[in-house]
Amino acid sequence: VIWEYAKNTIDIITNLKKEGIYVIAIEQTECAKSLNKFNLPNQ
């Protein structure tokens, strides 16, 4: 598996979004959307 290291997560996310990559976080919060209600983007 290809892997890389980056010190700062926010910088990585910012760059990925600029490349047109849809970014999601999997987390348990009161604002979270249930996985069974989440539609994967076509990108």
Full PDB file with SEQRES, HELIX, SHEET, SSBOND, CRYST1, ORIGX, SCALE, CONECT and MASTER records, all heavy atoms in Angstrom:
SEQRES   1 A   43  VAL ILE TRP GLU TYR ALA LYS ASN THR ILE ASP ILE ILE          
SEQRES   2 A   43  THR ASN LEU LYS LYS GLU GLY ILE TYR VAL ILE ALA ILE          
SEQRES   3 A   43  GLU GLN THR GLU CYS ALA LYS SER LEU ASN LYS PHE ASN          
SEQRES   4 A   43  LEU PRO ASN GLN                                              
HELIX    1 AA1 THR A    9  LYS A   18  1                                  10    
HELIX    2 AA2 LEU A   35  LYS A   37  5                                   3    
CRYST1    1.000    1.000    1.000  90.00  90.00  90.00 P 1           1          
ORIGX1      1.000000  0.000000  0.000000        0.00000                         
ORIGX2      0.000000  1.000000  0.000000        0.00000                         
ORIGX3      0.000000  0.000000  1.000000        0.00000                         
SCALE1      1.000000  0.000000  0.000000        0.00000                         
SCALE2      0.000000  1.000000  0.000000        0.00000                         
SCALE3      0.000000  0.000000  1.000000        0.00000                         
ATOM      1  N   VAL A   1       0.844  -1.196   0.000  1.00  0.00           N  
ATOM      2  CA  VAL A   1       0.000   0.000   0.000  1.00  0.00           C  
ATOM      3  C   VAL A   1       0.882   1.250   0.000  1.00  0.00           C  
ATOM      4  O   VAL A   1       1.810   1.369   0.795  1.00  0.00           O  
ATOM      5  CB  VAL A   1      -0.941   0.021   1.227  1.00  0.00           C  
ATOM      6  CG1 VAL A   1      -1.765   1.292   1.266  1.00  0.00           C  
ATOM      7  CG2 VAL A   1      -1.840  -1.205   1.225  1.00  0.00           C  
ATOM      8  N   ILE A   2       0.572   2.184  -0.889  1.00  0.00           N  
ATOM      9  CA  ILE A   2       1.288   3.451  -0.940  1.00  0.00           C  
ATOM     10  C   ILE A   2       0.913   4.265   0.294  1.00  0.00           C  
ATOM     11  O   ILE A   2      -0.262   4.357   0.660  1.00  0.00           O  
ATOM     12  CB  ILE A   2       0.927   4.239  -2.218  1.00  0.00           C  
ATOM     13  CG1 ILE A   2       1.389   3.461  -3.447  1.00  0.00           C  
ATOM     14  CG2 ILE A   2       1.518   5.646  -2.199  1.00  0.00           C  
ATOM     15  CD1 ILE A   2       0.849   4.014  -4.747  1.00  0.00           C  
ATOM     16  N   TRP A   3       1.907   4.847   0.928  1.00  0.00           N  
ATOM     17  CA  TRP A   3       1.641   5.683   2.091  1.00  0.00           C  
ATOM     18  C   TRP A   3       2.619   6.845   2.108  1.00  0.00           C  
ATOM     19  O   TRP A   3       3.669   6.813   1.467  1.00  0.00           O  
ATOM     20  CB  TRP A   3       1.721   4.882   3.389  1.00  0.00           C  
ATOM     21  CG  TRP A   3       3.094   4.358   3.712  1.00  0.00           C  
ATOM     22  CD1 TRP A   3       3.645   3.177   3.290  1.00  0.00           C  
ATOM     23  CD2 TRP A   3       4.096   5.004   4.501  1.00  0.00           C  
ATOM     24  NE1 TRP A   3       4.908   3.057   3.772  1.00  0.00           N  
ATOM     25  CE2 TRP A   3       5.218   4.158   4.520  1.00  0.00           C  
ATOM     26  CE3 TRP A   3       4.149   6.212   5.198  1.00  0.00           C  
ATOM     27  CZ2 TRP A   3       6.382   4.480   5.211  1.00  0.00           C  
ATOM     28  CZ3 TRP A   3       5.313   6.536   5.881  1.00  0.00           C  
ATOM     29  CH2 TRP A   3       6.412   5.680   5.888  1.00  0.00           C  
ATOM     30  N   GLU A   4       2.209   7.875   2.836  1.00  0.00           N  
ATOM     31  CA  GLU A   4       3.094   9.019   3.053  1.00  0.00           C  
ATOM     32  C   GLU A   4       2.815   9.583   4.436  1.00  0.00           C  
ATOM     33  O   GLU A   4       1.794   9.270   5.045  1.00  0.00           O  
ATOM     34  CB  GLU A   4       2.903  10.096   1.985  1.00  0.00           C  
ATOM     35  CG  GLU A   4       1.536  10.733   1.976  1.00  0.00           C  
ATOM     36  CD  GLU A   4       1.352  11.726   0.835  1.00  0.00           C  
ATOM     37  OE1 GLU A   4       1.405  11.290  -0.331  1.00  0.00           O  
ATOM     38  OE2 GLU A   4       1.148  12.924   1.125  1.00  0.00           O  
ATOM     39  N   TYR A   5       3.751  10.390   4.919  1.00  0.00           N  
ATOM     40  CA  TYR A   5       3.578  11.027   6.218  1.00  0.00           C  
ATOM     41  C   TYR A   5       3.468  12.539   6.028  1.00  0.00           C  
ATOM     42  O   TYR A   5       4.180  13.130   5.212  1.00  0.00           O  
ATOM     43  CB  TYR A   5       4.761  10.736   7.156  1.00  0.00           C  
ATOM     44  CG  TYR A   5       4.661  11.540   8.430  1.00  0.00           C  
ATOM     45  CD1 TYR A   5       3.817  11.128   9.454  1.00  0.00           C  
ATOM     46  CD2 TYR A   5       5.358  12.731   8.585  1.00  0.00           C  
ATOM     47  CE1 TYR A   5       3.684  11.887  10.616  1.00  0.00           C  
ATOM     48  CE2 TYR A   5       5.226  13.493   9.731  1.00  0.00           C  
ATOM     49  CZ  TYR A   5       4.391  13.068  10.738  1.00  0.00           C  
ATOM     50  OH  TYR A   5       4.247  13.828  11.874  1.00  0.00           O  
ATOM     51  N   ALA A   6       2.588  13.161   6.789  1.00  0.00           N  
ATOM     52  CA  ALA A   6       2.466  14.620   6.833  1.00  0.00           C  
ATOM     53  C   ALA A   6       2.245  15.031   8.279  1.00  0.00           C  
ATOM     54  O   ALA A   6       1.462  14.398   8.993  1.00  0.00           O  
ATOM     55  CB  ALA A   6       1.305  15.084   5.967  1.00  0.00           C  
ATOM     56  N   LYS A   7       2.936  16.054   8.695  1.00  0.00           N  
ATOM     57  CA  LYS A   7       2.792  16.508  10.075  1.00  0.00           C  
ATOM     58  C   LYS A   7       1.409  17.097  10.346  1.00  0.00           C  
ATOM     59  O   LYS A   7       0.808  16.853  11.372  1.00  0.00           O  
ATOM     60  CB  LYS A   7       3.881  17.538  10.386  1.00  0.00           C  
ATOM     61  CG  LYS A   7       3.888  17.986  11.814  1.00  0.00           C  
ATOM     62  CD  LYS A   7       5.064  18.885  12.115  1.00  0.00           C  
ATOM     63  CE  LYS A   7       4.999  19.300  13.559  1.00  0.00           C  
ATOM     64  NZ  LYS A   7       6.155  18.941  14.312  1.00  0.00           N  
ATOM     65  N   ASN A   8       0.883  17.870   9.374  1.00  0.00           N  
ATOM     66  CA  ASN A   8      -0.344  18.622   9.601  1.00  0.00           C  
ATOM     67  C   ASN A   8      -1.510  18.084   8.772  1.00  0.00           C  
ATOM     68  O   ASN A   8      -1.497  18.168   7.548  1.00  0.00           O  
ATOM     69  CB  ASN A   8      -0.094  20.105   9.278  1.00  0.00           C  
ATOM     70  CG  ASN A   8      -1.248  20.976   9.694  1.00  0.00           C  
ATOM     71  OD1 ASN A   8      -2.356  20.815   9.199  1.00  0.00           O  
ATOM     72  ND2 ASN A   8      -0.988  21.912  10.589  1.00  0.00           N  
ATOM     73  N   THR A   9      -2.517  17.578   9.443  1.00  0.00           N  
ATOM     74  CA  THR A   9      -3.691  16.992   8.779  1.00  0.00           C  
ATOM     75  C   THR A   9      -4.474  18.042   7.990  1.00  0.00           C  
ATOM     76  O   THR A   9      -4.925  17.761   6.873  1.00  0.00           O  
ATOM     77  CB  THR A   9      -4.618  16.332   9.828  1.00  0.00           C  
ATOM     78  OG1 THR A   9      -3.852  15.427  10.616  1.00  0.00           O  
ATOM     79  CG2 THR A   9      -5.758  15.593   9.167  1.00  0.00           C  
ATOM     80  N   ILE A  10      -4.625  19.232   8.548  1.00  0.00           N  
ATOM     81  CA  ILE A  10      -5.407  20.285   7.878  1.00  0.00           C  
ATOM     82  C   ILE A  10      -4.786  20.643   6.527  1.00  0.00           C  
ATOM     83  O   ILE A  10      -5.500  20.824   5.533  1.00  0.00           O  
ATOM     84  CB  ILE A  10      -5.531  21.547   8.774  1.00  0.00           C  
ATOM     85  CG1 ILE A  10      -6.267  21.209  10.071  1.00  0.00           C  
ATOM     86  CG2 ILE A  10      -6.228  22.684   8.026  1.00  0.00           C  
ATOM     87  CD1 ILE A  10      -7.694  20.725   9.903  1.00  0.00           C  
ATOM     88  N   ASP A  11      -3.470  20.735   6.468  1.00  0.00           N  
ATOM     89  CA  ASP A  11      -2.799  21.047   5.200  1.00  0.00           C  
ATOM     90  C   ASP A  11      -3.090  19.967   4.156  1.00  0.00           C  
ATOM     91  O   ASP A  11      -3.351  20.274   2.987  1.00  0.00           O  
ATOM     92  CB  ASP A  11      -1.284  21.178   5.388  1.00  0.00           C  
ATOM     93  CG  ASP A  11      -0.888  22.401   6.204  1.00  0.00           C  
ATOM     94  OD1 ASP A  11      -1.728  23.319   6.367  1.00  0.00           O  
ATOM     95  OD2 ASP A  11       0.267  22.436   6.679  1.00  0.00           O  
ATOM     96  N   ILE A  12      -3.061  18.721   4.572  1.00  0.00           N  
ATOM     97  CA  ILE A  12      -3.342  17.604   3.658  1.00  0.00           C  
ATOM     98  C   ILE A  12      -4.771  17.700   3.136  1.00  0.00           C  
ATOM     99  O   ILE A  12      -5.028  17.582   1.940  1.00  0.00           O  
ATOM    100  CB  ILE A  12      -3.109  16.251   4.366  1.00  0.00           C  
ATOM    101  CG1 ILE A  12      -1.622  16.023   4.580  1.00  0.00           C  
ATOM    102  CG2 ILE A  12      -3.738  15.097   3.612  1.00  0.00           C  
ATOM    103  CD1 ILE A  12      -0.806  15.898   3.310  1.00  0.00           C  
ATOM    104  N   ILE A  13      -5.721  17.927   4.026  1.00  0.00           N  
ATOM    105  CA  ILE A  13      -7.133  18.015   3.632  1.00  0.00           C  
ATOM    106  C   ILE A  13      -7.345  19.184   2.665  1.00  0.00           C  
ATOM    107  O   ILE A  13      -8.038  19.047   1.656  1.00  0.00           O  
ATOM    108  CB  ILE A  13      -8.034  18.132   4.875  1.00  0.00           C  
ATOM    109  CG1 ILE A  13      -8.022  16.796   5.633  1.00  0.00           C  
ATOM    110  CG2 ILE A  13      -9.450  18.546   4.501  1.00  0.00           C  
ATOM    111  CD1 ILE A  13      -8.677  16.847   6.994  1.00  0.00           C  
ATOM    112  N   THR A  14      -6.742  20.318   2.957  1.00  0.00           N  
ATOM    113  CA  THR A  14      -6.857  21.492   2.080  1.00  0.00           C  
ATOM    114  C   THR A  14      -6.351  21.160   0.680  1.00  0.00           C  
ATOM    115  O   THR A  14      -7.007  21.473  -0.322  1.00  0.00           O  
ATOM    116  CB  THR A  14      -6.078  22.685   2.678  1.00  0.00           C  
ATOM    117  OG1 THR A  14      -6.619  22.980   3.966  1.00  0.00           O  
ATOM    118  CG2 THR A  14      -6.171  23.909   1.783  1.00  0.00           C  
ATOM    119  N   ASN A  15      -5.197  20.514   0.597  1.00  0.00           N  
ATOM    120  CA  ASN A  15      -4.622  20.162  -0.706  1.00  0.00           C  
ATOM    121  C   ASN A  15      -5.483  19.146  -1.452  1.00  0.00           C  
ATOM    122  O   ASN A  15      -5.672  19.258  -2.663  1.00  0.00           O  
ATOM    123  CB  ASN A  15      -3.201  19.633  -0.545  1.00  0.00           C  
ATOM    124  CG  ASN A  15      -2.233  20.721  -0.123  1.00  0.00           C  
ATOM    125  OD1 ASN A  15      -2.469  21.906  -0.358  1.00  0.00           O  
ATOM    126  ND2 ASN A  15      -1.148  20.334   0.509  1.00  0.00           N  
ATOM    127  N   LEU A  16      -6.009  18.157  -0.743  1.00  0.00           N  
ATOM    128  CA  LEU A  16      -6.864  17.159  -1.389  1.00  0.00           C  
ATOM    129  C   LEU A  16      -8.128  17.797  -1.949  1.00  0.00           C  
ATOM    130  O   LEU A  16      -8.562  17.470  -3.054  1.00  0.00           O  
ATOM    131  CB  LEU A  16      -7.200  16.027  -0.419  1.00  0.00           C  
ATOM    132  CG  LEU A  16      -6.046  15.109  -0.033  1.00  0.00           C  
ATOM    133  CD1 LEU A  16      -6.477  14.142   1.069  1.00  0.00           C  
ATOM    134  CD2 LEU A  16      -5.522  14.350  -1.231  1.00  0.00           C  
ATOM    135  N   LYS A  17      -8.727  18.715  -1.200  1.00  0.00           N  
ATOM    136  CA  LYS A  17      -9.929  19.407  -1.678  1.00  0.00           C  
ATOM    137  C   LYS A  17      -9.626  20.204  -2.939  1.00  0.00           C  
ATOM    138  O   LYS A  17     -10.431  20.239  -3.869  1.00  0.00           O  
ATOM    139  CB  LYS A  17     -10.496  20.314  -0.589  1.00  0.00           C  
ATOM    140  CG  LYS A  17     -11.226  19.558   0.511  1.00  0.00           C  
ATOM    141  CD  LYS A  17     -11.793  20.531   1.530  1.00  0.00           C  
ATOM    142  CE  LYS A  17     -12.641  19.815   2.545  1.00  0.00           C  
ATOM    143  NZ  LYS A  17     -13.262  20.749   3.504  1.00  0.00           N  
ATOM    144  N   LYS A  18      -8.455  20.829  -2.996  1.00  0.00           N  
ATOM    145  CA  LYS A  18      -8.044  21.579  -4.188  1.00  0.00           C  
ATOM    146  C   LYS A  18      -7.914  20.657  -5.400  1.00  0.00           C  
ATOM    147  O   LYS A  18      -8.107  21.084  -6.523  1.00  0.00           O  
ATOM    148  CB  LYS A  18      -6.720  22.299  -3.942  1.00  0.00           C  
ATOM    149  CG  LYS A  18      -6.841  23.516  -3.062  1.00  0.00           C  
ATOM    150  CD  LYS A  18      -5.484  24.162  -2.829  1.00  0.00           C  
ATOM    151  CE  LYS A  18      -5.589  25.314  -1.851  1.00  0.00           C  
ATOM    152  NZ  LYS A  18      -4.259  25.852  -1.508  1.00  0.00           N  
ATOM    153  N   GLU A  19      -7.581  19.388  -5.147  1.00  0.00           N  
ATOM    154  CA  GLU A  19      -7.451  18.394  -6.219  1.00  0.00           C  
ATOM    155  C   GLU A  19      -8.800  17.795  -6.617  1.00  0.00           C  
ATOM    156  O   GLU A  19      -8.859  16.909  -7.458  1.00  0.00           O  
ATOM    157  CB  GLU A  19      -6.510  17.270  -5.780  1.00  0.00           C  
ATOM    158  CG  GLU A  19      -5.081  17.697  -5.570  1.00  0.00           C  
ATOM    159  CD  GLU A  19      -4.227  16.588  -4.971  1.00  0.00           C  
ATOM    160  OE1 GLU A  19      -4.615  15.393  -5.055  1.00  0.00           O  
ATOM    161  OE2 GLU A  19      -3.173  16.908  -4.403  1.00  0.00           O  
ATOM    162  N   GLY A  20      -9.873  18.253  -5.986  1.00  0.00           N  
ATOM    163  CA  GLY A  20     -11.201  17.753  -6.315  1.00  0.00           C  
ATOM    164  C   GLY A  20     -11.589  16.480  -5.589  1.00  0.00           C  
ATOM    165  O   GLY A  20     -12.520  15.781  -5.986  1.00  0.00           O  
ATOM    166  N   ILE A  21     -10.904  16.183  -4.513  1.00  0.00           N  
ATOM    167  CA  ILE A  21     -11.206  14.990  -3.729  1.00  0.00           C  
ATOM    168  C   ILE A  21     -12.200  15.360  -2.628  1.00  0.00           C  
ATOM    169  O   ILE A  21     -12.019  16.343  -1.902  1.00  0.00           O  
ATOM    170  CB  ILE A  21      -9.923  14.378  -3.145  1.00  0.00           C  
ATOM    171  CG1 ILE A  21      -9.034  13.915  -4.310  1.00  0.00           C  
ATOM    172  CG2 ILE A  21     -10.230  13.238  -2.183  1.00  0.00           C  
ATOM    173  CD1 ILE A  21      -7.678  13.415  -3.914  1.00  0.00           C  
ATOM    174  N   TYR A  22     -13.267  14.576  -2.514  1.00  0.00           N  
ATOM    175  CA  TYR A  22     -14.305  14.795  -1.512  1.00  0.00           C  
ATOM    176  C   TYR A  22     -13.802  14.217  -0.193  1.00  0.00           C  
ATOM    177  O   TYR A  22     -13.428  13.041  -0.124  1.00  0.00           O  
ATOM    178  CB  TYR A  22     -15.582  14.096  -1.959  1.00  0.00           C  
ATOM    179  CG  TYR A  22     -16.802  14.435  -1.151  1.00  0.00           C  
ATOM    180  CD1 TYR A  22     -17.570  15.554  -1.465  1.00  0.00           C  
ATOM    181  CD2 TYR A  22     -17.198  13.640  -0.082  1.00  0.00           C  
ATOM    182  CE1 TYR A  22     -18.703  15.867  -0.730  1.00  0.00           C  
ATOM    183  CE2 TYR A  22     -18.322  13.944   0.653  1.00  0.00           C  
ATOM    184  CZ  TYR A  22     -19.072  15.060   0.327  1.00  0.00           C  
ATOM    185  OH  TYR A  22     -20.187  15.370   1.061  1.00  0.00           O  
ATOM    186  N   VAL A  23     -13.776  15.026   0.855  1.00  0.00           N  
ATOM    187  CA  VAL A  23     -13.214  14.604   2.143  1.00  0.00           C  
ATOM    188  C   VAL A  23     -14.331  14.443   3.166  1.00  0.00           C  
ATOM    189  O   VAL A  23     -15.165  15.335   3.334  1.00  0.00           O  
ATOM    190  CB  VAL A  23     -12.177  15.623   2.651  1.00  0.00           C  
ATOM    191  CG1 VAL A  23     -11.607  15.191   3.993  1.00  0.00           C  
ATOM    192  CG2 VAL A  23     -11.056  15.819   1.629  1.00  0.00           C  
ATOM    193  N   ILE A  24     -14.333  13.284   3.827  1.00  0.00           N  
ATOM    194  CA  ILE A  24     -15.276  13.052   4.926  1.00  0.00           C  
ATOM    195  C   ILE A  24     -14.496  12.566   6.141  1.00  0.00           C  
ATOM    196  O   ILE A  24     -13.395  12.014   6.013  1.00  0.00           O  
ATOM    197  CB  ILE A  24     -16.368  12.015   4.573  1.00  0.00           C  
ATOM    198  CG1 ILE A  24     -15.760  10.639   4.288  1.00  0.00           C  
ATOM    199  CG2 ILE A  24     -17.206  12.482   3.408  1.00  0.00           C  
ATOM    200  CD1 ILE A  24     -16.768   9.529   4.224  1.00  0.00           C  
ATOM    201  N   ALA A  25     -15.046  12.792   7.310  1.00  0.00           N  
ATOM    202  CA  ALA A  25     -14.471  12.273   8.547  1.00  0.00           C  
ATOM    203  C   ALA A  25     -15.462  11.297   9.155  1.00  0.00           C  
ATOM    204  O   ALA A  25     -16.669  11.558   9.162  1.00  0.00           O  
ATOM    205  CB  ALA A  25     -14.180  13.410   9.522  1.00  0.00           C  
ATOM    206  N   ILE A  26     -14.958  10.200   9.625  1.00  0.00           N  
ATOM    207  CA  ILE A  26     -15.812   9.242  10.327  1.00  0.00           C  
ATOM    208  C   ILE A  26     -15.632   9.503  11.816  1.00  0.00           C  
ATOM    209  O   ILE A  26     -14.539   9.366  12.354  1.00  0.00           O  
ATOM    210  CB  ILE A  26     -15.454   7.789   9.957  1.00  0.00           C  
ATOM    211  CG1 ILE A  26     -15.723   7.568   8.469  1.00  0.00           C  
ATOM    212  CG2 ILE A  26     -16.231   6.816  10.835  1.00  0.00           C  
ATOM    213  CD1 ILE A  26     -15.416   6.185   7.979  1.00  0.00           C  
ATOM    214  N   GLU A  27     -16.709   9.941  12.436  1.00  0.00           N  
ATOM    215  CA  GLU A  27     -16.641  10.353  13.831  1.00  0.00           C  
ATOM    216  C   GLU A  27     -18.002  10.190  14.488  1.00  0.00           C  
ATOM    217  O   GLU A  27     -19.035  10.245  13.815  1.00  0.00           O  
ATOM    218  CB  GLU A  27     -16.190  11.814  13.906  1.00  0.00           C  
ATOM    219  CG  GLU A  27     -15.860  12.297  15.292  1.00  0.00           C  
ATOM    220  CD  GLU A  27     -14.768  11.489  15.968  1.00  0.00           C  
ATOM    221  OE1 GLU A  27     -13.591  11.775  15.759  1.00  0.00           O  
ATOM    222  OE2 GLU A  27     -15.123  10.543  16.705  1.00  0.00           O  
ATOM    223  N   GLN A  28     -18.008  10.010  15.779  1.00  0.00           N  
ATOM    224  CA  GLN A  28     -19.251   9.909  16.544  1.00  0.00           C  
ATOM    225  C   GLN A  28     -19.504  11.253  17.214  1.00  0.00           C  
ATOM    226  O   GLN A  28     -18.904  11.564  18.238  1.00  0.00           O  
ATOM    227  CB  GLN A  28     -19.143   8.811  17.599  1.00  0.00           C  
ATOM    228  CG  GLN A  28     -18.941   7.440  17.006  1.00  0.00           C  
ATOM    229  CD  GLN A  28     -18.652   6.395  18.069  1.00  0.00           C  
ATOM    230  OE1 GLN A  28     -18.106   6.687  19.113  1.00  0.00           O  
ATOM    231  NE2 GLN A  28     -19.026   5.160  17.773  1.00  0.00           N  
ATOM    232  N   THR A  29     -20.379  12.055  16.598  1.00  0.00           N  
ATOM    233  CA  THR A  29     -20.740  13.352  17.169  1.00  0.00           C  
ATOM    234  C   THR A  29     -22.252  13.530  17.080  1.00  0.00           C  
ATOM    235  O   THR A  29     -22.932  12.814  16.346  1.00  0.00           O  
ATOM    236  CB  THR A  29     -20.073  14.532  16.409  1.00  0.00           C  
ATOM    237  OG1 THR A  29     -20.664  14.643  15.119  1.00  0.00           O  
ATOM    238  CG2 THR A  29     -18.577  14.353  16.291  1.00  0.00           C  
ATOM    239  N   GLU A  30     -22.753  14.513  17.777  1.00  0.00           N  
ATOM    240  CA  GLU A  30     -24.194  14.771  17.732  1.00  0.00           C  
ATOM    241  C   GLU A  30     -24.639  15.291  16.369  1.00  0.00           C  
ATOM    242  O   GLU A  30     -25.805  15.210  16.027  1.00  0.00           O  
ATOM    243  CB  GLU A  30     -24.596  15.744  18.841  1.00  0.00           C  
ATOM    244  CG  GLU A  30     -23.843  17.050  18.803  1.00  0.00           C  
ATOM    245  CD  GLU A  30     -23.983  17.857  20.083  1.00  0.00           C  
ATOM    246  OE1 GLU A  30     -24.399  17.296  21.109  1.00  0.00           O  
ATOM    247  OE2 GLU A  30     -23.686  19.054  20.031  1.00  0.00           O  
ATOM    248  N   CYS A  31     -23.704  15.811  15.574  1.00  0.00           N  
ATOM    249  CA  CYS A  31     -24.035  16.324  14.236  1.00  0.00           C  
ATOM    250  C   CYS A  31     -23.739  15.306  13.132  1.00  0.00           C  
ATOM    251  O   CYS A  31     -23.930  15.597  11.953  1.00  0.00           O  
ATOM    252  CB  CYS A  31     -23.247  17.595  13.950  1.00  0.00           C  
ATOM    253  SG  CYS A  31     -23.592  18.924  15.106  1.00  0.00           S  
ATOM    254  N   ALA A  32     -23.275  14.138  13.503  1.00  0.00           N  
ATOM    255  CA  ALA A  32     -22.865  13.142  12.515  1.00  0.00           C  
ATOM    256  C   ALA A  32     -24.061  12.621  11.717  1.00  0.00           C  
ATOM    257  O   ALA A  32     -25.176  12.531  12.220  1.00  0.00           O  
ATOM    258  CB  ALA A  32     -22.166  11.976  13.205  1.00  0.00           C  
ATOM    259  N   LYS A  33     -23.783  12.278  10.467  1.00  0.00           N  
ATOM    260  CA  LYS A  33     -24.790  11.658   9.606  1.00  0.00           C  
ATOM    261  C   LYS A  33     -24.577  10.147   9.685  1.00  0.00           C  
ATOM    262  O   LYS A  33     -23.458   9.659   9.558  1.00  0.00           O  
ATOM    263  CB  LYS A  33     -24.596  12.148   8.170  1.00  0.00           C  
ATOM    264  CG  LYS A  33     -25.667  11.730   7.223  1.00  0.00           C  
ATOM    265  CD  LYS A  33     -25.419  12.378   5.865  1.00  0.00           C  
ATOM    266  CE  LYS A  33     -26.714  12.554   5.144  1.00  0.00           C  
ATOM    267  NZ  LYS A  33     -26.552  13.272   3.897  1.00  0.00           N  
ATOM    268  N   SER A  34     -25.630   9.419   9.892  1.00  0.00           N  
ATOM    269  CA  SER A  34     -25.544   7.969   9.978  1.00  0.00           C  
ATOM    270  C   SER A  34     -25.005   7.389   8.664  1.00  0.00           C  
ATOM    271  O   SER A  34     -25.383   7.849   7.580  1.00  0.00           O  
ATOM    272  CB  SER A  34     -26.926   7.392  10.276  1.00  0.00           C  
ATOM    273  OG  SER A  34     -26.863   5.986  10.336  1.00  0.00           O  
ATOM    274  N   LEU A  35     -24.126   6.408   8.756  1.00  0.00           N  
ATOM    275  CA  LEU A  35     -23.546   5.809   7.551  1.00  0.00           C  
ATOM    276  C   LEU A  35     -24.605   5.249   6.605  1.00  0.00           C  
ATOM    277  O   LEU A  35     -24.450   5.309   5.390  1.00  0.00           O  
ATOM    278  CB  LEU A  35     -22.554   4.707   7.930  1.00  0.00           C  
ATOM    279  CG  LEU A  35     -21.206   5.182   8.447  1.00  0.00           C  
ATOM    280  CD1 LEU A  35     -20.358   3.992   8.894  1.00  0.00           C  
ATOM    281  CD2 LEU A  35     -20.467   5.996   7.415  1.00  0.00           C  
ATOM    282  N   ASN A  36     -25.693   4.716   7.156  1.00  0.00           N  
ATOM    283  CA  ASN A  36     -26.724   4.154   6.274  1.00  0.00           C  
ATOM    284  C   ASN A  36     -27.544   5.248   5.572  1.00  0.00           C  
ATOM    285  O   ASN A  36     -28.347   4.954   4.699  1.00  0.00           O  
ATOM    286  CB  ASN A  36     -27.635   3.184   7.029  1.00  0.00           C  
ATOM    287  CG  ASN A  36     -28.420   3.845   8.137  1.00  0.00           C  
ATOM    288  OD1 ASN A  36     -28.167   4.989   8.508  1.00  0.00           O  
ATOM    289  ND2 ASN A  36     -29.370   3.124   8.694  1.00  0.00           N  
ATOM    290  N   LYS A  37     -27.327   6.519   5.937  1.00  0.00           N  
ATOM    291  CA  LYS A  37     -28.001   7.631   5.269  1.00  0.00           C  
ATOM    292  C   LYS A  37     -27.043   8.441   4.404  1.00  0.00           C  
ATOM    293  O   LYS A  37     -27.427   9.426   3.798  1.00  0.00           O  
ATOM    294  CB  LYS A  37     -28.657   8.550   6.304  1.00  0.00           C  
ATOM    295  CG  LYS A  37     -29.782   7.874   7.058  1.00  0.00           C  
ATOM    296  CD  LYS A  37     -30.384   8.802   8.081  1.00  0.00           C  
ATOM    297  CE  LYS A  37     -31.484   8.059   8.826  1.00  0.00           C  
ATOM    298  NZ  LYS A  37     -32.000   8.834   9.949  1.00  0.00           N  
ATOM    299  N   PHE A  38     -25.790   8.025   4.357  1.00  0.00           N  
ATOM    300  CA  PHE A  38     -24.779   8.754   3.602  1.00  0.00           C  
ATOM    301  C   PHE A  38     -24.674   8.189   2.193  1.00  0.00           C  
ATOM    302  O   PHE A  38     -24.545   6.992   1.999  1.00  0.00           O  
ATOM    303  CB  PHE A  38     -23.420   8.646   4.301  1.00  0.00           C  
ATOM    304  CG  PHE A  38     -22.323   9.366   3.574  1.00  0.00           C  
ATOM    305  CD1 PHE A  38     -22.250  10.745   3.597  1.00  0.00           C  
ATOM    306  CD2 PHE A  38     -21.372   8.658   2.871  1.00  0.00           C  
ATOM    307  CE1 PHE A  38     -21.240  11.414   2.933  1.00  0.00           C  
ATOM    308  CE2 PHE A  38     -20.356   9.316   2.195  1.00  0.00           C  
ATOM    309  CZ  PHE A  38     -20.286  10.693   2.225  1.00  0.00           C  
ATOM    310  N   ASN A  39     -24.760   9.070   1.197  1.00  0.00           N  
ATOM    311  CA  ASN A  39     -24.598   8.668  -0.199  1.00  0.00           C  
ATOM    312  C   ASN A  39     -23.188   9.016  -0.653  1.00  0.00           C  
ATOM    313  O   ASN A  39     -22.789  10.186  -0.577  1.00  0.00           O  
ATOM    314  CB  ASN A  39     -25.617   9.378  -1.090  1.00  0.00           C  
ATOM    315  CG  ASN A  39     -27.022   8.939  -0.774  1.00  0.00           C  
ATOM    316  OD1 ASN A  39     -27.290   7.755  -0.614  1.00  0.00           O  
ATOM    317  ND2 ASN A  39     -27.930   9.893  -0.671  1.00  0.00           N  
ATOM    318  N   LEU A  40     -22.465   8.021  -1.120  1.00  0.00           N  
ATOM    319  CA  LEU A  40     -21.109   8.262  -1.594  1.00  0.00           C  
ATOM    320  C   LEU A  40     -21.122   9.143  -2.832  1.00  0.00           C  
ATOM    321  O   LEU A  40     -21.927   8.929  -3.743  1.00  0.00           O  
ATOM    322  CB  LEU A  40     -20.418   6.934  -1.926  1.00  0.00           C  
ATOM    323  CG  LEU A  40     -19.983   6.089  -0.746  1.00  0.00           C  
ATOM    324  CD1 LEU A  40     -19.485   4.736  -1.217  1.00  0.00           C  
ATOM    325  CD2 LEU A  40     -18.897   6.798   0.046  1.00  0.00           C  
ATOM    326  N   PRO A  41     -20.234  10.118  -2.889  1.00  0.00           N  
ATOM    327  CA  PRO A  41     -20.159  10.973  -4.078  1.00  0.00           C  
ATOM    328  C   PRO A  41     -19.532  10.201  -5.239  1.00  0.00           C  
ATOM    329  O   PRO A  41     -18.813   9.220  -5.028  1.00  0.00           O  
ATOM    330  CB  PRO A  41     -19.250  12.119  -3.630  1.00  0.00           C  
ATOM    331  CG  PRO A  41     -18.387  11.507  -2.576  1.00  0.00           C  
ATOM    332  CD  PRO A  41     -19.258  10.487  -1.884  1.00  0.00           C  
ATOM    333  N   ASN A  42     -19.791  10.648  -6.431  1.00  0.00           N  
ATOM    334  CA  ASN A  42     -19.229  10.010  -7.616  1.00  0.00           C  
ATOM    335  C   ASN A  42     -17.923  10.718  -7.990  1.00  0.00           C  
ATOM    336  O   ASN A  42     -17.802  11.290  -9.064  1.00  0.00           O  
ATOM    337  CB  ASN A  42     -20.234  10.051  -8.774  1.00  0.00           C  
ATOM    338  CG  ASN A  42     -19.809   9.153  -9.908  1.00  0.00           C  
ATOM    339  OD1 ASN A  42     -18.968   8.266  -9.734  1.00  0.00           O  
ATOM    340  ND2 ASN A  42     -20.354   9.376 -11.079  1.00  0.00           N  
ATOM    341  N   GLN A  43     -16.982  10.713  -7.067  1.00  0.00           N  
ATOM    342  CA  GLN A  43     -15.670  11.323  -7.270  1.00  0.00           C  
ATOM    343  C   GLN A  43     -14.707  10.688  -6.274  1.00  0.00           C  
ATOM    344  O   GLN A  43     -15.139  10.020  -5.333  1.00  0.00           O  
ATOM    345  CB  GLN A  43     -15.751  12.847  -7.078  1.00  0.00           C  
ATOM    346  CG  GLN A  43     -16.049  13.280  -5.648  1.00  0.00           C  
ATOM    347  CD  GLN A  43     -16.329  14.759  -5.528  1.00  0.00           C  
ATOM    348  OE1 GLN A  43     -17.446  15.175  -5.710  1.00  0.00           O  
ATOM    349  NE2 GLN A  43     -15.297  15.536  -5.223  1.00  0.00           N  
TER     350      GLN A  43                                                      
MASTER        0    0    0    2    0    0    0    6  349    1    0    4          
END                                                                             
